[in-house]
Amino acid sequence: MKRLFFLSFLLFFTLNIQAQELPKVIDVSSNDQQLEVLSSQYKSSLLTAADTNLTKMVNTWKHCLTAMEFYADKIDFDVKGVKMWLKIFWAKDGKIDHIAYYLQDNSINIPKVDFEAFLTSFSRNYQLPIGHKHRFSYASRAQFPMYLMYTPK
């Protein structure tokens, strides 16, 4: 019994260390194992953080993506034409812990180093307007400019 407890504690401790050592931004095309580690540690979703209210969740996600686009404009970084799969991992207070991304084949050609620097900077300057009692995450496709993602009502 003590051995089982010790092994469980060791596994938990190792996983926590692994998440802390992971970079702020992860290119999934070359680091899919890091995505798996993070996904195993952020079991709550944005929908759960939004009190299982789908409208609130969608509006919160739009808030994040719109803030990302505004931030790009503010620092004069061109994201127009970027198309990607994106998974954001948030701390309990809504601050971004990690961003995993995968640029789609039909995305503009953007230097990886510059794009990751942009995502890192954004993640340090943005906080979601909601929080949750557990760390949480959300994954979706995104493209900029944002108006191309949504059809008018």
Protein backbone atom coordinates (compact mmCIF):
# COMPACT_ATOMS: atom_id res chain seq x y z
CA MET A 1 0.00 0.00 0.00
CA LYS A 2 2.81 2.40 0.91
CA ARG A 3 4.55 1.53 -2.34
CA LEU A 4 1.41 2.30 -4.37
CA PHE A 5 1.03 5.63 -2.60
CA PHE A 6 4.68 6.45 -3.23
CA LEU A 7 4.42 5.56 -6.93
CA SER A 8 1.26 7.65 -7.28
CA PHE A 9 2.94 10.59 -5.57
CA LEU A 10 6.03 10.21 -7.77
CA LEU A 11 3.93 10.16 -10.95
CA PHE A 12 1.96 13.24 -9.85
CA PHE A 13 5.16 15.08 -8.93
CA THR A 14 6.81 14.15 -12.24
CA LEU A 15 3.83 15.35 -14.28
CA ASN A 16 3.76 18.66 -12.39
CA ILE A 17 7.45 19.20 -13.03
CA GLN A 18 6.98 18.34 -16.70
CA ALA A 19 4.26 20.97 -17.11
CA GLN A 20 6.36 23.61 -15.36
CA GLU A 21 9.31 22.88 -17.64
CA LEU A 22 7.27 23.09 -20.81
CA PRO A 23 7.62 26.19 -22.95
CA LYS A 24 4.93 28.85 -22.92
CA VAL A 25 4.22 28.22 -26.62
CA ILE A 26 4.26 24.80 -28.25
CA ASP A 27 4.28 24.02 -31.97
CA VAL A 28 2.29 20.79 -32.05
CA SER A 29 3.73 19.80 -35.42
CA SER A 30 7.04 19.08 -33.71
CA ASN A 31 6.06 18.58 -30.05
CA ASP A 32 2.88 16.53 -29.80
CA GLN A 33 4.08 14.77 -26.60
CA GLN A 34 4.10 18.11 -24.80
CA LEU A 35 0.49 18.65 -25.83
CA GLU A 36 -0.42 15.26 -24.35
CA VAL A 37 1.28 16.10 -21.04
CA LEU A 38 -0.56 19.41 -20.76
CA SER A 39 -3.90 17.95 -21.82
CA SER A 40 -3.64 15.35 -19.08
CA GLN A 41 -3.17 18.09 -16.48
CA TYR A 42 -5.85 20.55 -17.62
CA LYS A 43 -8.93 18.38 -17.42
CA SER A 44 -11.52 21.13 -17.09
CA SER A 45 -12.75 22.87 -20.23
CA LEU A 46 -13.62 26.43 -21.10
CA LEU A 47 -17.26 25.30 -21.17
CA THR A 48 -16.98 24.19 -17.54
CA ALA A 49 -15.31 27.50 -16.62
CA ALA A 50 -18.22 29.27 -18.36
CA ASP A 51 -20.68 27.49 -16.04
CA THR A 52 -21.68 25.09 -18.86
CA ASN A 53 -23.27 28.02 -20.66
CA LEU A 54 -22.47 27.59 -24.35
CA THR A 55 -23.19 31.23 -25.24
CA LYS A 56 -20.91 32.45 -22.46
CA MET A 57 -18.20 30.03 -23.60
CA VAL A 58 -18.37 31.14 -27.24
CA ASN A 59 -18.33 34.81 -26.24
CA THR A 60 -15.37 34.21 -23.93
CA TRP A 61 -13.46 32.42 -26.71
CA LYS A 62 -14.26 35.27 -29.13
CA HIS A 63 -13.03 37.71 -26.47
CA CYS A 64 -9.70 35.88 -26.34
CA LEU A 65 -9.24 35.72 -30.12
CA THR A 66 -10.33 39.34 -30.59
CA ALA A 67 -7.89 40.41 -27.89
CA MET A 68 -5.18 38.45 -29.70
CA GLU A 69 -5.96 40.25 -32.95
CA PHE A 70 -6.08 43.67 -31.25
CA TYR A 71 -2.79 42.92 -29.50
CA ALA A 72 -1.19 42.07 -32.84
CA ASP A 73 -2.37 45.40 -34.26
CA LYS A 74 -1.14 47.24 -31.16
CA ILE A 75 2.39 45.88 -31.47
CA ASP A 76 2.33 46.12 -35.28
CA PHE A 77 2.54 42.35 -35.86
CA ASP A 78 0.66 41.17 -38.94
CA VAL A 79 -1.50 38.08 -38.31
CA LYS A 80 -3.81 38.61 -41.26
CA GLY A 81 -4.00 35.31 -43.13
CA VAL A 82 -2.91 33.16 -40.19
CA LYS A 83 -5.02 30.00 -39.99
CA MET A 84 -4.34 27.56 -37.20
CA TRP A 85 -5.52 25.00 -34.74
CA LEU A 86 -5.06 26.43 -31.27
CA LYS A 87 -5.31 25.08 -27.73
CA ILE A 88 -4.95 27.46 -24.83
CA PHE A 89 -4.27 26.29 -21.27
CA TRP A 90 -5.40 28.70 -18.55
CA ALA A 91 -4.56 28.98 -14.87
CA LYS A 92 -7.41 29.16 -12.37
CA ASP A 93 -7.38 32.97 -12.50
CA GLY A 94 -7.75 33.08 -16.29
CA LYS A 95 -4.11 33.88 -17.08
CA ILE A 96 -2.59 31.88 -19.91
CA ASP A 97 -0.16 29.16 -18.86
CA HIS A 98 0.52 27.66 -22.29
CA ILE A 99 -0.54 27.94 -25.92
CA ALA A 100 -0.29 25.01 -28.32
CA TYR A 101 -0.76 25.68 -32.01
CA TYR A 102 -0.55 24.08 -35.42
CA LEU A 103 -0.46 26.28 -38.51
CA GLN A 104 -2.75 25.00 -41.26
CA ASP A 105 -1.33 24.30 -44.70
CA ASN A 106 -3.34 27.18 -46.19
CA SER A 107 -2.09 29.70 -43.60
CA ILE A 108 0.20 32.53 -44.63
CA ASN A 109 3.87 31.76 -44.34
CA ILE A 110 4.91 33.33 -41.05
CA PRO A 111 8.32 32.85 -39.43
CA LYS A 112 7.96 30.39 -36.54
CA VAL A 113 10.29 32.33 -34.24
CA ASP A 114 8.36 35.58 -34.76
CA PHE A 115 4.96 33.92 -34.38
CA GLU A 116 5.98 32.13 -31.18
CA ALA A 117 7.40 35.37 -29.78
CA PHE A 118 4.07 37.05 -30.54
CA LEU A 119 2.08 34.26 -28.83
CA THR A 120 4.41 34.33 -25.83
CA SER A 121 4.05 38.08 -25.49
CA PHE A 122 0.26 37.88 -25.85
CA SER A 123 0.04 35.13 -23.24
CA ARG A 124 1.90 37.29 -20.73
CA ASN A 125 -0.32 40.31 -21.36
CA TYR A 126 -3.78 38.77 -21.52
CA GLN A 127 -6.15 37.47 -18.88
CA LEU A 128 -9.49 35.83 -19.64
CA PRO A 129 -12.46 37.67 -18.09
CA ILE A 130 -13.47 34.48 -16.25
CA GLY A 131 -11.71 32.05 -13.95
CA HIS A 132 -12.48 28.63 -12.51
CA LYS A 133 -11.66 26.52 -9.47
CA HIS A 134 -9.49 24.27 -11.67
CA ARG A 135 -7.05 24.92 -14.49
CA PHE A 136 -8.83 24.63 -17.84
CA SER A 137 -8.25 24.58 -21.58
CA TYR A 138 -9.96 24.93 -24.92
CA ALA A 139 -9.05 23.94 -28.46
CA SER A 140 -10.43 25.24 -31.74
CA ARG A 141 -9.48 26.47 -35.16
CA ALA A 142 -8.82 30.18 -35.54
CA GLN A 143 -8.02 32.53 -38.36
CA PHE A 144 -7.33 36.20 -38.71
CA PRO A 145 -8.87 38.60 -39.42
CA MET A 146 -11.59 37.43 -37.07
CA TYR A 147 -14.49 38.55 -39.24
CA LEU A 148 -13.66 35.73 -41.66
CA MET A 149 -14.51 33.15 -38.96
CA TYR A 150 -18.07 34.26 -38.35
CA THR A 151 -20.90 34.74 -40.79
CA PRO A 152 -23.12 37.78 -40.29
CA LYS A 153 -26.55 37.21 -38.75
